[in-house]
Amino acid sequence: MNNNQKQEVAAFRYGLIAKVINRITPMDPGEVAAVFRDVASRNYDIPYSSRKTVSVRSLERYKMLYEQLGYNGLIPKDPPKRGVRSVSKEALDQAVMMRLEIPNRSVEQIIFALETKGIVPKGDLCKSTLSRYFKANSLERKKVLKDGNSSEVYKRFEASIPNQLWQSDFKHAVYLTDPSNPKQKIRTKLCGILDDHSRYIVHAQFYWDEKLPALEDCFKRAILKHGLPEQYYCDNGAAFNSKHISNVCARLGIRLSHSKPYRPSGRGKIERFFQFVDSSFIKEAYSLIEKGVISTLDDLNRQFNIWLDGYYHIRIHSSIKETPTSRFESNAALARRVAPDVLTKMFLLGVERQVDKAGCISLNSTHYDVGPEHAGCKVEARFDPFDLSVIEVWKDNVFFNEAKSLIPGDNFNNYSGRKKADFTALQTLKKQVEKPDVALSEVTSFLDAAKVSAYSEYEQLPISFIKEESNS
């Protein structure tokens, strides 16, 4: 498991326990136990694991590690190397048939029957191995016994204080002229983040796309203005479901949660806000486009902020019976704050790169010099997608240096200077060596030494005489 995979597992573990840590209002032990029981009763897509559930004991261990070591305590350690036992297909097929025949049979009973019949040697198949196999193939007792689908019940909910829950989503909005091709129109995308308690828009902005950099920019601006939320609830889109945004939330102590695919009912408040944008702002925006007041993305965002602060935030909301601004500012001081420079580093996008023998990496079709000491190694390059002037070089979660944009001309000059310096150093070394006071004719010759060695071998050969016999 590489470093990025370990970070993904740590972010997933943080998401499981986020509801009970770093809260504005702390929980008592009974509430923590109730939350952990609820979390353990659900199924998850656990990164790089065939398991679908997490036990209460594991959740308690994650909480203890986080309280002792912080986020780094949730990063998995490399497991010890051990031998792997293979289970025959016949044994697994027999186990599946026994589970389907009587779903209430325990794993222990199934293993006992397989060992008694001689299908597997005694002690060769452990309970954890067979349990993982059943879970990976949806053969748990509850799933096999379950018949029919349970009906879902929807309930209205609302966060009790500001910054306890933020909802976020993208919306396809007005068409604007493509800056790179004036003959074409591009549909802008509005990224909005709404505070659930007050319906206040902590930040919203139009972008050209709905990719990860746009989401990060909007999320970062919201945190800079209003502090850290306790929970960030969003869609299942590619940007919201990225590993990077999950790691960012985990490092900032934010619980990241997603709505079910194709089920936007849980994000009703942000969807209702987008409907109000359609009816109240979009038509006005098209009118300003026809008049030439709005022609660029900056113009659109400027007019949207005027509408947001001059109308939406100060009008009486039909659900809360007060203005979003007054309700949000009532307890906004409780928000957790983070320094801008720390926040910027938290949002840096990290990618692994192999350093070539010249000490360089490639990033977005541009080469960067990370230093010859990293040649042949894998490093993590962390950068801001909107500003590639600073590239941080990390290895094993340790910062080393900043990469520099590669300028071949400078490197050639440096290389030439280095050669000259090395040559000068060699000449100096030769001068410092004291020559012995020996005449040139007295210096031992290598070939003379070889001749002596060859003669010595001949001298060691045994000499024998052969007596000739007469024919008479």
Protein backbone atom coordinates (compact mmCIF):
# COMPACT_ATOMS: atom_id res chain seq x y z
CA MET A 1 0.00 0.00 0.00
CA ASN A 2 1.58 3.28 -1.11
CA ASN A 3 1.37 6.62 0.68
CA ASN A 4 -1.67 7.90 -1.26
CA GLN A 5 -3.59 4.70 -0.53
CA LYS A 6 -2.73 5.00 3.17
CA GLN A 7 -3.97 8.59 3.15
CA GLU A 8 -7.26 7.45 1.58
CA VAL A 9 -7.76 4.80 4.29
CA ALA A 10 -6.96 7.38 7.01
CA ALA A 11 -9.50 9.81 5.54
CA PHE A 12 -12.13 7.04 5.48
CA ARG A 13 -11.44 6.18 9.12
CA TYR A 14 -11.72 9.83 10.08
CA GLY A 15 -15.10 10.04 8.34
CA LEU A 16 -16.39 7.21 10.54
CA ILE A 17 -15.53 8.97 13.80
CA ALA A 18 -15.87 12.60 12.68
CA LYS A 19 -19.33 12.92 14.23
CA VAL A 20 -17.99 12.49 17.77
CA ILE A 21 -14.70 14.43 17.60
CA ASN A 22 -13.87 18.10 17.02
CA ARG A 23 -17.45 19.05 17.83
CA ILE A 24 -18.52 22.51 18.83
CA THR A 25 -20.78 20.91 21.45
CA PRO A 26 -19.11 17.81 22.99
CA MET A 27 -20.91 14.46 23.42
CA ASP A 28 -21.19 12.47 26.63
CA PRO A 29 -20.04 8.79 26.66
CA GLY A 30 -23.58 7.48 26.17
CA GLU A 31 -24.09 9.56 23.05
CA VAL A 32 -20.72 8.44 21.66
CA ALA A 33 -21.63 4.78 22.18
CA ALA A 34 -24.99 5.30 20.45
CA VAL A 35 -23.34 6.97 17.45
CA PHE A 36 -20.74 4.20 17.13
CA ARG A 37 -23.46 1.53 17.25
CA ASP A 38 -25.30 3.34 14.45
CA VAL A 39 -22.11 3.67 12.37
CA ALA A 40 -21.27 -0.01 12.88
CA SER A 41 -24.74 -1.06 11.67
CA ARG A 42 -24.16 0.36 8.17
CA ASN A 43 -22.35 -1.01 5.13
CA TYR A 44 -19.43 0.87 3.54
CA ASP A 45 -17.13 0.61 0.56
CA ILE A 46 -13.96 0.34 2.66
CA PRO A 47 -10.89 1.35 0.62
CA TYR A 48 -8.70 -1.59 -0.35
CA SER A 49 -10.69 -4.07 1.73
CA SER A 50 -13.33 -6.71 1.01
CA ARG A 51 -15.10 -5.93 4.29
CA LYS A 52 -18.30 -3.89 4.24
CA THR A 53 -18.79 -3.11 7.95
CA VAL A 54 -16.72 -1.70 10.81
CA SER A 55 -17.06 -2.92 14.39
CA VAL A 56 -17.69 -0.71 17.41
CA ARG A 57 -14.37 -1.85 18.85
CA SER A 58 -12.56 -0.58 15.73
CA LEU A 59 -14.36 2.76 15.95
CA GLU A 60 -13.29 3.14 19.58
CA ARG A 61 -9.71 2.30 18.58
CA TYR A 62 -9.77 4.93 15.79
CA LYS A 63 -11.07 7.51 18.25
CA MET A 64 -8.33 6.68 20.76
CA LEU A 65 -5.61 6.86 18.08
CA TYR A 66 -6.90 10.21 16.83
CA GLU A 67 -6.99 11.67 20.35
CA GLN A 68 -3.43 10.44 21.05
CA LEU A 69 -1.66 11.02 17.71
CA GLY A 70 -4.04 13.19 15.67
CA TYR A 71 -4.67 12.47 12.00
CA ASN A 72 -1.38 10.55 11.61
CA GLY A 73 -2.64 7.97 14.09
CA LEU A 74 -5.29 6.90 11.56
CA ILE A 75 -2.74 6.14 8.83
CA PRO A 76 -2.46 2.32 8.59
CA LYS A 77 0.85 0.70 9.40
CA ASP A 78 2.49 -1.84 7.13
CA PRO A 79 1.36 -5.33 8.19
CA PRO A 80 3.97 -7.93 9.16
CA LYS A 81 4.92 -10.38 6.46
CA ARG A 82 3.40 -13.81 6.92
CA GLY A 83 2.61 -16.87 4.91
CA VAL A 84 -0.64 -17.17 2.99
CA ARG A 85 -2.78 -20.28 3.12
CA SER A 86 -4.87 -21.06 0.07
CA VAL A 87 -8.32 -22.60 0.38
CA SER A 88 -9.45 -25.01 -2.32
CA LYS A 89 -12.36 -24.09 -4.55
CA GLU A 90 -14.14 -27.30 -3.50
CA ALA A 91 -14.08 -26.22 0.14
CA LEU A 92 -15.42 -22.74 -0.66
CA ASP A 93 -18.18 -24.14 -2.87
CA GLN A 94 -19.24 -26.53 -0.10
CA ALA A 95 -19.27 -23.65 2.40
CA VAL A 96 -21.48 -21.56 0.10
CA MET A 97 -23.94 -24.43 -0.37
CA MET A 98 -24.14 -24.97 3.40
CA ARG A 99 -24.80 -21.26 3.98
CA LEU A 100 -27.54 -21.12 1.30
CA GLU A 101 -29.13 -24.35 2.57
CA ILE A 102 -29.56 -23.05 6.13
CA PRO A 103 -28.63 -19.34 6.38
CA ASN A 104 -28.67 -19.46 10.20
CA ARG A 105 -25.64 -21.74 10.23
CA SER A 106 -22.69 -20.00 11.80
CA VAL A 107 -19.24 -19.87 10.23
CA GLU A 108 -17.95 -22.03 13.05
CA GLN A 109 -20.55 -24.73 12.28
CA ILE A 110 -19.68 -24.69 8.58
CA ILE A 111 -15.94 -25.06 9.28
CA PHE A 112 -16.64 -27.91 11.75
CA ALA A 113 -18.64 -29.79 9.10
CA LEU A 114 -15.95 -29.28 6.43
CA GLU A 115 -13.22 -30.53 8.79
CA THR A 116 -15.28 -33.53 9.93
CA LYS A 117 -15.93 -34.59 6.33
CA GLY A 118 -12.24 -34.24 5.53
CA ILE A 119 -12.78 -31.51 2.90
CA VAL A 120 -10.27 -29.22 4.65
CA PRO A 121 -7.54 -30.21 7.13
CA LYS A 122 -8.28 -29.36 10.74
CA GLY A 123 -7.16 -25.84 11.59
CA ASP A 124 -6.42 -24.96 7.95
CA LEU A 125 -9.52 -22.74 7.45
CA CYS A 126 -10.02 -20.02 10.06
CA LYS A 127 -13.26 -18.19 10.81
CA SER A 128 -11.99 -14.77 9.71
CA THR A 129 -11.01 -16.10 6.27
CA LEU A 130 -14.42 -17.65 5.61
CA SER A 131 -16.24 -14.62 7.03
CA ARG A 132 -14.35 -12.28 4.67
CA TYR A 133 -15.21 -14.56 1.76
CA PHE A 134 -18.92 -14.50 2.66
CA LYS A 135 -18.91 -10.70 2.99
CA ALA A 136 -17.12 -10.24 -0.32
CA ASN A 137 -19.80 -12.37 -2.03
CA SER A 138 -22.82 -10.89 -0.15
CA LEU A 139 -23.45 -14.13 1.75
CA GLU A 140 -23.78 -12.74 5.27
CA ARG A 141 -26.63 -14.26 7.27
CA LYS A 142 -28.60 -11.00 7.34
CA LYS A 143 -28.45 -10.57 3.57
CA VAL A 144 -29.34 -14.19 2.83
CA LEU A 145 -32.26 -14.12 5.29
CA LYS A 146 -33.54 -10.72 4.11
CA ASP A 147 -36.64 -10.93 1.92
CA GLY A 148 -38.14 -7.86 0.26
CA ASN A 149 -37.00 -4.25 0.45
CA SER A 150 -37.67 -2.12 3.48
CA SER A 151 -39.57 1.07 2.83
CA GLU A 152 -37.63 4.31 3.36
CA VAL A 153 -38.98 7.05 5.61
CA TYR A 154 -37.99 10.68 5.08
CA LYS A 155 -37.79 13.17 7.94
CA ARG A 156 -37.14 16.89 7.94
CA PHE A 157 -33.94 17.88 9.67
CA GLU A 158 -32.10 21.08 10.53
CA ALA A 159 -28.74 21.79 12.15
CA SER A 160 -29.05 23.33 15.60
CA ILE A 161 -26.36 26.02 15.23
CA PRO A 162 -24.48 27.76 12.38
CA ASN A 163 -21.46 25.96 10.87
CA GLN A 164 -22.65 22.63 12.18
CA LEU A 165 -23.62 21.45 8.70
CA TRP A 166 -22.84 22.86 5.24
CA GLN A 167 -24.57 21.61 2.11
CA SER A 168 -22.94 21.96 -1.30
CA ASP A 169 -23.63 21.24 -4.96
CA PHE A 170 -23.07 22.45 -8.53
CA LYS A 171 -25.72 23.94 -10.82
CA HIS A 172 -25.62 24.51 -14.57
CA ALA A 173 -26.32 28.21 -15.09
CA VAL A 174 -26.22 30.95 -17.74
CA TYR A 175 -24.41 30.85 -21.08
CA LEU A 176 -21.48 33.22 -21.62
CA THR A 177 -19.16 33.86 -24.54
CA ASP A 178 -16.18 31.53 -24.64
CA PRO A 179 -13.10 33.70 -23.94
CA SER A 180 -10.96 31.46 -26.16
CA ASN A 181 -13.51 31.37 -29.02
CA PRO A 182 -15.86 34.39 -29.24
CA LYS A 183 -18.09 32.55 -31.73
CA GLN A 184 -19.14 29.97 -29.14
CA LYS A 185 -21.11 30.04 -25.90
CA ILE A 186 -20.21 28.08 -22.75
CA ARG A 187 -22.64 27.23 -19.97
CA THR A 188 -21.26 28.34 -16.62
CA LYS A 189 -21.48 26.25 -13.46
CA LEU A 190 -22.51 27.71 -10.11
CA CYS A 191 -20.90 26.11 -7.05
CA GLY A 192 -22.83 26.93 -3.88
CA ILE A 193 -22.23 26.15 -0.19
CA LEU A 194 -25.15 26.74 2.18
CA ASP A 195 -25.26 26.74 5.98
CA ASP A 196 -28.04 24.31 6.95
CA HIS A 197 -29.14 26.12 10.13
CA SER A 198 -29.47 29.64 8.72
CA ARG A 199 -29.76 29.04 4.92
CA TYR A 200 -26.91 31.57 4.65
CA ILE A 201 -24.67 31.14 1.59
CA VAL A 202 -21.17 30.96 3.04
CA HIS A 203 -19.82 31.16 -0.51
CA ALA A 204 -21.08 30.70 -4.06
CA GLN A 205 -19.32 31.41 -7.33
CA PHE A 206 -19.63 30.77 -11.06
CA TYR A 207 -16.93 28.69 -12.80
CA TRP A 208 -16.35 27.39 -16.30
CA ASP A 209 -16.55 23.76 -15.14
CA GLU A 210 -17.48 21.64 -12.14
CA LYS A 211 -14.16 19.92 -11.64
CA LEU A 212 -12.13 19.50 -8.46
CA PRO A 213 -10.14 22.79 -8.64
CA ALA A 214 -13.40 24.78 -8.83
CA LEU A 215 -14.84 22.98 -5.78
CA GLU A 216 -11.62 23.45 -3.80
CA ASP A 217 -11.51 27.17 -4.61
CA CYS A 218 -15.12 27.67 -3.49
CA PHE A 219 -14.68 25.57 -0.35
CA LYS A 220 -11.44 27.35 0.59
CA ARG A 221 -13.02 30.80 0.20
CA ALA A 222 -15.97 29.77 2.40
CA ILE A 223 -13.62 28.59 5.17
CA LEU A 224 -11.52 31.75 4.97
CA LYS A 225 -14.63 33.89 5.43
CA HIS A 226 -16.58 31.91 8.02
CA GLY A 227 -14.33 29.28 9.62
CA LEU A 228 -14.50 25.48 9.61
CA PRO A 229 -17.81 23.59 9.49
CA GLU A 230 -18.42 20.50 11.58
CA GLN A 231 -19.86 18.51 8.66
CA TYR A 232 -19.69 18.98 4.89
CA TYR A 233 -22.63 17.29 3.11
CA CYS A 234 -22.47 17.10 -0.66
CA ASP A 235 -23.26 15.25 -3.86
CA ASN A 236 -21.68 12.03 -5.16
CA GLY A 237 -20.14 13.76 -8.18
CA ALA A 238 -16.53 13.17 -9.21
CA ALA A 239 -15.25 16.38 -7.60
CA PHE A 240 -17.04 15.83 -4.27
CA ASN A 241 -16.04 12.16 -4.18
CA SER A 242 -12.35 12.73 -4.91
CA LYS A 243 -9.67 11.34 -2.61
CA HIS A 244 -8.08 14.78 -2.31
CA ILE A 245 -11.17 16.56 -0.92
CA SER A 246 -11.61 13.63 1.49
CA ASN A 247 -8.03 14.05 2.75
CA VAL A 248 -8.47 17.83 3.08
CA CYS A 249 -11.60 17.42 5.21
CA ALA A 250 -9.91 14.80 7.39
CA ARG A 251 -6.87 17.01 8.03
CA LEU A 252 -9.06 20.02 8.86
CA GLY A 253 -11.27 18.00 11.21
CA ILE A 254 -14.36 18.19 8.98
CA ARG A 255 -16.75 15.29 8.65
CA LEU A 256 -17.36 14.65 4.93
CA SER A 257 -20.60 12.88 3.96
CA HIS A 258 -22.35 12.21 0.67
CA SER A 259 -25.96 11.72 -0.32
CA LYS A 260 -27.02 8.46 -1.93
CA PRO A 261 -26.53 8.31 -5.72
CA TYR A 262 -29.55 9.65 -7.62
CA ARG A 263 -31.22 10.57 -4.30
CA PRO A 264 -30.87 14.35 -3.83
CA SER A 265 -33.64 14.52 -1.20
CA GLY A 266 -31.13 14.95 1.64
CA ARG A 267 -29.77 18.10 -0.01
CA GLY A 268 -33.16 19.74 -0.29
CA LYS A 269 -32.06 23.12 1.09
CA ILE A 270 -29.29 23.73 -1.46
CA GLU A 271 -31.58 22.48 -4.24
CA ARG A 272 -34.29 24.90 -3.07
CA PHE A 273 -31.73 27.72 -3.14
CA PHE A 274 -30.82 26.86 -6.73
CA GLN A 275 -34.51 27.00 -7.65
CA PHE A 276 -34.68 30.48 -6.13
CA VAL A 277 -31.58 31.48 -8.15
CA ASP A 278 -33.40 30.34 -11.31
CA SER A 279 -36.51 32.37 -10.56
CA SER A 280 -34.88 35.47 -9.09
CA PHE A 281 -31.37 35.94 -10.52
CA ILE A 282 -30.90 34.03 -13.79
CA LYS A 283 -33.56 36.01 -15.69
CA GLU A 284 -32.07 39.27 -14.43
CA ALA A 285 -28.61 38.09 -15.47
CA TYR A 286 -29.72 37.37 -19.06
CA SER A 287 -31.22 40.86 -19.20
CA LEU A 288 -27.88 42.36 -18.17
CA ILE A 289 -26.08 40.19 -20.74
CA GLU A 290 -28.29 41.63 -23.50
CA LYS A 291 -27.51 45.16 -22.27
CA GLY A 292 -23.77 44.44 -22.26
CA VAL A 293 -23.38 44.85 -18.50
CA ILE A 294 -22.34 41.18 -18.14
CA SER A 295 -19.86 39.86 -20.69
CA THR A 296 -17.26 37.95 -18.64
CA LEU A 297 -17.23 35.48 -15.77
CA ASP A 298 -15.99 38.21 -13.41
CA ASP A 299 -18.94 40.42 -14.41
CA LEU A 300 -21.35 37.56 -13.68
CA ASN A 301 -19.86 36.88 -10.24
CA ARG A 302 -19.88 40.58 -9.39
CA GLN A 303 -23.60 40.90 -10.15
CA PHE A 304 -24.36 37.64 -8.35
CA ASN A 305 -22.67 38.86 -5.15
CA ILE A 306 -24.73 42.06 -5.34
CA TRP A 307 -27.92 39.99 -5.59
CA LEU A 308 -26.74 37.64 -2.82
CA ASP A 309 -25.85 40.29 -0.20
CA GLY A 310 -28.34 42.91 -1.30
CA TYR A 311 -31.41 40.70 -1.58
CA TYR A 312 -31.18 37.00 -0.63
CA HIS A 313 -29.35 37.34 2.69
CA ILE A 314 -31.51 40.19 4.00
CA ARG A 315 -34.98 38.91 3.00
CA ILE A 316 -37.22 36.97 5.41
CA HIS A 317 -36.81 33.29 4.60
CA SER A 318 -40.13 31.43 4.36
CA SER A 319 -38.89 28.43 6.39
CA ILE A 320 -37.00 30.05 9.26
CA LYS A 321 -39.14 33.23 9.45
CA GLU A 322 -36.07 35.49 9.70
CA THR A 323 -33.23 36.65 7.49
CA PRO A 324 -30.35 34.25 6.80
CA THR A 325 -27.85 36.92 7.90
CA SER A 326 -29.40 37.49 11.33
CA ARG A 327 -29.73 33.77 12.02
CA PHE A 328 -26.19 32.98 10.87
CA GLU A 329 -24.58 35.79 12.87
CA SER A 330 -26.38 34.80 16.08
CA ASN A 331 -23.81 32.07 16.90
CA ALA A 332 -21.18 32.51 14.18
CA ALA A 333 -18.50 33.25 16.78
CA LEU A 334 -18.44 29.53 17.70
CA ALA A 335 -16.79 28.64 14.39
CA ARG A 336 -13.31 27.16 14.45
CA ARG A 337 -10.77 29.31 12.63
CA VAL A 338 -7.61 28.35 10.74
CA ALA A 339 -4.73 30.56 9.63
CA PRO A 340 -4.75 31.41 5.88
CA ASP A 341 -1.23 30.08 5.28
CA VAL A 342 -2.08 26.79 7.01
CA LEU A 343 -5.30 26.50 5.03
CA THR A 344 -3.44 27.07 1.76
CA LYS A 345 -1.07 24.19 2.54
CA MET A 346 -4.00 21.94 3.48
CA PHE A 347 -5.58 22.45 0.04
CA LEU A 348 -2.42 21.73 -1.94
CA LEU A 349 -3.06 18.96 -4.44
CA GLY A 350 -0.62 16.05 -4.04
CA VAL A 351 0.55 13.74 -6.84
CA GLU A 352 3.28 11.11 -6.85
CA ARG A 353 6.10 11.49 -9.35
CA GLN A 354 9.19 9.44 -10.19
CA VAL A 355 12.33 11.58 -10.13
CA ASP A 356 14.59 10.96 -13.14
CA LYS A 357 18.36 10.60 -12.93
CA ALA A 358 18.76 14.34 -13.54
CA GLY A 359 16.72 15.14 -10.40
CA CYS A 360 13.66 16.38 -12.32
CA ILE A 361 9.92 15.61 -12.42
CA SER A 362 7.21 16.38 -14.97
CA LEU A 363 4.03 18.17 -13.93
CA ASN A 364 1.37 19.44 -16.34
CA SER A 365 3.80 19.07 -19.26
CA THR A 366 6.39 21.19 -17.42
CA HIS A 367 9.66 19.96 -15.95
CA TYR A 368 10.72 20.93 -12.44
CA ASP A 369 14.07 20.49 -10.70
CA VAL A 370 13.63 18.84 -7.28
CA GLY A 371 17.31 18.26 -6.58
CA PRO A 372 19.82 15.48 -7.37
CA GLU A 373 19.43 13.97 -3.90
CA HIS A 374 15.99 12.62 -4.96
CA ALA A 375 17.18 11.06 -8.24
CA GLY A 376 15.60 7.65 -8.81
CA CYS A 377 13.13 8.03 -5.92
CA LYS A 378 9.39 8.62 -5.76
CA VAL A 379 8.31 11.94 -4.27
CA GLU A 380 5.00 13.70 -3.72
CA ALA A 381 4.56 17.06 -5.44
CA ARG A 382 2.05 19.34 -3.68
CA PHE A 383 0.76 22.42 -5.51
CA ASP A 384 -2.14 24.81 -6.00
CA PRO A 385 -3.85 24.09 -9.38
CA PHE A 386 -4.50 27.84 -9.75
CA ASP A 387 -0.87 28.79 -9.01
CA LEU A 388 1.98 26.55 -10.20
CA SER A 389 4.70 28.99 -9.17
CA VAL A 390 5.32 27.03 -5.95
CA ILE A 391 5.75 23.23 -6.02
CA GLU A 392 6.47 21.59 -2.65
CA VAL A 393 8.46 18.35 -2.58
CA TRP A 394 7.38 15.81 0.09
CA LYS A 395 8.58 12.29 0.81
CA ASP A 396 7.00 9.98 3.40
CA ASN A 397 4.91 12.94 4.68
CA VAL A 398 8.09 15.00 5.31
CA PHE A 399 8.68 18.32 3.53
CA PHE A 400 12.09 18.58 1.83
CA ASN A 401 12.24 21.60 -0.45
CA GLU A 402 10.49 23.57 -3.18
CA ALA A 403 10.89 22.48 -6.79
CA LYS A 404 12.15 25.01 -9.30
CA SER A 405 11.01 25.37 -12.88
CA LEU A 406 13.62 23.77 -15.13
CA ILE A 407 15.59 26.24 -17.30
CA PRO A 408 17.98 24.23 -19.52
CA GLY A 409 20.21 27.24 -20.22
CA ASP A 410 20.84 27.82 -16.53
CA ASN A 411 21.55 24.15 -15.99
CA PHE A 412 24.06 24.18 -18.86
CA ASN A 413 25.86 27.11 -17.32
CA ASN A 414 25.83 25.47 -13.91
CA TYR A 415 27.08 22.22 -15.42
CA SER A 416 29.95 24.00 -17.20
CA GLY A 417 30.87 25.82 -14.01
CA ARG A 418 30.76 22.57 -12.06
CA LYS A 419 33.11 20.87 -14.57
CA LYS A 420 35.54 23.75 -14.33
CA ALA A 421 35.43 23.69 -10.54
CA ASP A 422 36.00 19.94 -10.45
CA PHE A 423 38.97 20.26 -12.85
CA THR A 424 40.52 23.00 -10.72
CA ALA A 425 40.07 20.90 -7.59
CA LEU A 426 41.81 17.95 -9.28
CA GLN A 427 44.79 20.07 -10.29
CA THR A 428 45.07 21.42 -6.74
CA LEU A 429 45.02 17.87 -5.37
CA LYS A 430 47.83 16.83 -7.73
CA LYS A 431 49.95 19.74 -6.58
CA GLN A 432 49.41 18.83 -2.95
CA VAL A 433 50.75 15.27 -3.43
CA GLU A 434 54.46 15.11 -2.49
CA LYS A 435 56.58 13.42 -5.14
CA PRO A 436 59.33 11.06 -3.81
CA ASP A 437 62.95 11.86 -4.56
CA VAL A 438 63.50 8.98 -7.04
CA ALA A 439 65.09 9.16 -10.47
CA LEU A 440 62.89 8.28 -13.42
CA SER A 441 65.22 5.43 -14.43
CA GLU A 442 64.77 3.87 -11.00
CA VAL A 443 60.95 3.68 -11.21
CA THR A 444 59.78 0.08 -11.32
CA SER A 445 58.46 -1.03 -14.73
CA PHE A 446 55.21 -2.96 -14.84
CA LEU A 447 56.44 -5.19 -17.70
CA ASP A 448 59.62 -5.97 -15.79
CA ALA A 449 57.47 -7.10 -12.91
CA ALA A 450 55.44 -9.32 -15.26
CA LYS A 451 58.68 -10.82 -16.66
CA VAL A 452 59.88 -11.68 -13.17
CA SER A 453 56.55 -13.33 -12.41
CA ALA A 454 56.72 -15.45 -15.60
CA TYR A 455 60.32 -16.59 -14.95
CA SER A 456 59.44 -17.59 -11.42
CA GLU A 457 56.76 -19.94 -12.75
CA TYR A 458 59.23 -21.59 -15.16
CA GLU A 459 61.81 -22.05 -12.40
CA GLN A 460 59.29 -23.97 -10.30
CA LEU A 461 58.62 -26.58 -13.03
CA PRO A 462 60.14 -30.05 -12.22
CA ILE A 463 63.00 -31.20 -14.45
CA SER A 464 63.23 -34.90 -15.47
CA PHE A 465 65.52 -36.83 -17.90
CA ILE A 466 64.37 -39.63 -20.20
CA LYS A 467 66.89 -42.44 -20.74
CA GLU A 468 67.06 -43.67 -24.33
CA GLU A 469 67.19 -47.43 -24.84
CA SER A 470 69.72 -48.92 -27.36
CA ASN A 471 68.48 -51.07 -30.25
CA SER A 472 71.31 -53.60 -30.04
